[in-house]
Amino acid sequence: MKFRSWIKKTTAGRVVWRVIIGLIGGGITVAGAVALIGPGPGILILLAGLGILATEFAWAGEVMMHTKRIAAKAAEKTGMKPWVKYFLISGGAVVSIIAIFIYYRR
């Protein structure tokens, strides 16, 4: 039996599960919001946190879809070809990962 279905057998288990998911997803969402104004891929972290929250909370799924629609509209306004956007996003992710490794190595 899966852990998730085992813990959700009782009412208390369902509440505990939702609290745990809320804390984890909320923490990642807050970290993403901080990364929006600081260094890092803020929107990706924010969407990851909302994705975790959306597994248990319907409102988080709606917010995530709304955020994706806004991002898609902004991407269309740039006028860049899709392959250029993907290259820039993947390049930014690689640079961020390398910077994190260099920072923690020192």
C-alpha atoms as a PDB file:
ATOM      1  CA  MET A   1       0.000   0.000   0.000  1.00  0.00           C
ATOM      2  CA  LYS A   2       1.269   3.455  -0.836  1.00  0.00           C
ATOM      3  CA  PHE A   3       2.218   5.769   2.016  1.00  0.00           C
ATOM      4  CA  ARG A   4      -0.109   8.507   0.798  1.00  0.00           C
ATOM      5  CA  SER A   5      -3.196   6.307   0.769  1.00  0.00           C
ATOM      6  CA  TRP A   6      -2.183   4.719   4.085  1.00  0.00           C
ATOM      7  CA  ILE A   7      -1.917   8.071   5.867  1.00  0.00           C
ATOM      8  CA  LYS A   8      -5.167   9.354   4.322  1.00  0.00           C
ATOM      9  CA  LYS A   9      -7.240   6.486   5.772  1.00  0.00           C
ATOM     10  CA  THR A  10      -8.327   8.556   8.765  1.00  0.00           C
ATOM     11  CA  THR A  11      -9.575  12.114   9.081  1.00  0.00           C
ATOM     12  CA  ALA A  12      -6.603  13.052  11.240  1.00  0.00           C
ATOM     13  CA  GLY A  13      -4.257  11.540   8.664  1.00  0.00           C
ATOM     14  CA  ARG A  14      -5.848  13.595   5.873  1.00  0.00           C
ATOM     15  CA  VAL A  15      -5.448  16.782   7.918  1.00  0.00           C
ATOM     16  CA  VAL A  16      -1.832  15.960   8.777  1.00  0.00           C
ATOM     17  CA  TRP A  17      -1.100  15.184   5.108  1.00  0.00           C
ATOM     18  CA  ARG A  18      -2.606  18.493   3.961  1.00  0.00           C
ATOM     19  CA  VAL A  19      -0.624  20.402   6.589  1.00  0.00           C
ATOM     20  CA  ILE A  20       2.624  18.715   5.515  1.00  0.00           C
ATOM     21  CA  ILE A  21       1.936  19.416   1.823  1.00  0.00           C
ATOM     22  CA  GLY A  22       0.956  22.991   2.715  1.00  0.00           C
ATOM     23  CA  LEU A  23       4.180  23.588   4.622  1.00  0.00           C
ATOM     24  CA  ILE A  24       6.432  22.070   1.952  1.00  0.00           C
ATOM     25  CA  GLY A  25       4.653  23.686  -0.998  1.00  0.00           C
ATOM     26  CA  GLY A  26       4.262  26.994   0.816  1.00  0.00           C
ATOM     27  CA  GLY A  27       7.940  27.077   1.727  1.00  0.00           C
ATOM     28  CA  ILE A  28       9.008  26.417  -1.843  1.00  0.00           C
ATOM     29  CA  THR A  29       6.538  29.019  -3.128  1.00  0.00           C
ATOM     30  CA  VAL A  30       7.913  31.622  -0.721  1.00  0.00           C
ATOM     31  CA  ALA A  31      11.463  30.729  -1.782  1.00  0.00           C
ATOM     32  CA  GLY A  32      10.383  31.258  -5.398  1.00  0.00           C
ATOM     33  CA  ALA A  33       8.901  34.644  -4.546  1.00  0.00           C
ATOM     34  CA  VAL A  34      12.180  35.639  -2.908  1.00  0.00           C
ATOM     35  CA  ALA A  35      14.090  34.393  -5.963  1.00  0.00           C
ATOM     36  CA  LEU A  36      11.959  36.638  -8.175  1.00  0.00           C
ATOM     37  CA  ILE A  37      13.704  39.681  -6.721  1.00  0.00           C
ATOM     38  CA  GLY A  38      16.987  37.926  -5.959  1.00  0.00           C
ATOM     39  CA  PRO A  39      19.247  35.659  -7.961  1.00  0.00           C
ATOM     40  CA  GLY A  40      17.807  32.454  -9.320  1.00  0.00           C
ATOM     41  CA  PRO A  41      15.037  31.100 -11.496  1.00  0.00           C
ATOM     42  CA  GLY A  42      12.216  32.559  -9.425  1.00  0.00           C
ATOM     43  CA  ILE A  43       9.276  31.770 -11.667  1.00  0.00           C
ATOM     44  CA  LEU A  44      10.322  28.125 -11.989  1.00  0.00           C
ATOM     45  CA  ILE A  45      10.663  27.725  -8.222  1.00  0.00           C
ATOM     46  CA  LEU A  46       7.351  29.507  -7.726  1.00  0.00           C
ATOM     47  CA  LEU A  47       5.602  27.181 -10.174  1.00  0.00           C
ATOM     48  CA  ALA A  48       7.201  24.146  -8.522  1.00  0.00           C
ATOM     49  CA  GLY A  49       5.818  25.221  -5.147  1.00  0.00           C
ATOM     50  CA  LEU A  50       2.393  25.839  -6.635  1.00  0.00           C
ATOM     51  CA  GLY A  51       2.552  22.440  -8.322  1.00  0.00           C
ATOM     52  CA  ILE A  52       3.174  20.784  -4.969  1.00  0.00           C
ATOM     53  CA  LEU A  53       0.317  22.734  -3.408  1.00  0.00           C
ATOM     54  CA  ALA A  54      -1.957  21.850  -6.339  1.00  0.00           C
ATOM     55  CA  THR A  55      -1.728  18.163  -5.440  1.00  0.00           C
ATOM     56  CA  GLU A  56      -3.979  18.883  -2.437  1.00  0.00           C
ATOM     57  CA  PHE A  57      -5.472  22.358  -2.939  1.00  0.00           C
ATOM     58  CA  ALA A  58      -7.621  23.272  -5.960  1.00  0.00           C
ATOM     59  CA  TRP A  59      -6.974  27.021  -5.611  1.00  0.00           C
ATOM     60  CA  ALA A  60      -3.234  26.435  -6.136  1.00  0.00           C
ATOM     61  CA  GLY A  61      -3.935  24.690  -9.437  1.00  0.00           C
ATOM     62  CA  GLU A  62      -5.985  27.670 -10.616  1.00  0.00           C
ATOM     63  CA  VAL A  63      -3.245  30.115  -9.587  1.00  0.00           C
ATOM     64  CA  MET A  64      -0.638  27.997 -11.358  1.00  0.00           C
ATOM     65  CA  MET A  65      -2.644  27.912 -14.591  1.00  0.00           C
ATOM     66  CA  HIS A  66      -3.240  31.667 -14.410  1.00  0.00           C
ATOM     67  CA  THR A  67       0.499  32.248 -13.922  1.00  0.00           C
ATOM     68  CA  LYS A  68       1.288  30.028 -16.917  1.00  0.00           C
ATOM     69  CA  ARG A  69      -1.166  31.993 -19.082  1.00  0.00           C
ATOM     70  CA  ILE A  70       0.456  35.289 -18.075  1.00  0.00           C
ATOM     71  CA  ALA A  71       3.923  33.874 -18.812  1.00  0.00           C
ATOM     72  CA  ALA A  72       2.776  32.599 -22.212  1.00  0.00           C
ATOM     73  CA  LYS A  73       1.374  36.025 -23.132  1.00  0.00           C
ATOM     74  CA  ALA A  74       4.607  37.707 -22.065  1.00  0.00           C
ATOM     75  CA  ALA A  75       6.637  35.203 -24.089  1.00  0.00           C
ATOM     76  CA  GLU A  76       4.517  35.898 -27.188  1.00  0.00           C
ATOM     77  CA  LYS A  77       5.169  39.638 -26.879  1.00  0.00           C
ATOM     78  CA  THR A  78       8.935  39.151 -27.121  1.00  0.00           C
ATOM     79  CA  GLY A  79       8.711  38.117 -30.771  1.00  0.00           C
ATOM     80  CA  MET A  80      11.547  35.581 -30.402  1.00  0.00           C
ATOM     81  CA  LYS A  81      11.462  32.206 -32.045  1.00  0.00           C
ATOM     82  CA  PRO A  82      10.641  29.349 -29.643  1.00  0.00           C
ATOM     83  CA  TRP A  83      14.044  27.686 -29.991  1.00  0.00           C
ATOM     84  CA  VAL A  84      15.766  30.924 -28.915  1.00  0.00           C
ATOM     85  CA  LYS A  85      13.572  31.124 -25.805  1.00  0.00           C
ATOM     86  CA  TYR A  86      14.310  27.492 -24.920  1.00  0.00           C
ATOM     87  CA  PHE A  87      18.024  28.048 -25.426  1.00  0.00           C
ATOM     88  CA  LEU A  88      18.013  31.119 -23.168  1.00  0.00           C
ATOM     89  CA  ILE A  89      16.012  29.362 -20.450  1.00  0.00           C
ATOM     90  CA  SER A  90      18.177  26.249 -20.474  1.00  0.00           C
ATOM     91  CA  GLY A  91      21.338  28.365 -20.588  1.00  0.00           C
ATOM     92  CA  GLY A  92      20.146  30.366 -17.592  1.00  0.00           C
ATOM     93  CA  ALA A  93      19.392  27.184 -15.674  1.00  0.00           C
ATOM     94  CA  VAL A  94      22.836  25.753 -16.456  1.00  0.00           C
ATOM     95  CA  VAL A  95      24.562  28.989 -15.425  1.00  0.00           C
ATOM     96  CA  SER A  96      22.568  29.036 -12.175  1.00  0.00           C
ATOM     97  CA  ILE A  97      23.526  25.443 -11.371  1.00  0.00           C
ATOM     98  CA  ILE A  98      27.207  26.095 -12.111  1.00  0.00           C
ATOM     99  CA  ALA A  99      27.133  29.240  -9.964  1.00  0.00           C
ATOM    100  CA  ILE A 100      25.621  27.281  -7.071  1.00  0.00           C
ATOM    101  CA  PHE A 101      28.317  24.594  -7.358  1.00  0.00           C
ATOM    102  CA  ILE A 102      31.083  27.218  -7.430  1.00  0.00           C
ATOM    103  CA  TYR A 103      29.572  29.074  -4.482  1.00  0.00           C
ATOM    104  CA  TYR A 104      29.287  25.974  -2.295  1.00  0.00           C
ATOM    105  CA  ARG A 105      32.678  24.639  -3.274  1.00  0.00           C
ATOM    106  CA  ARG A 106      34.407  27.678  -1.786  1.00  0.00           C
END
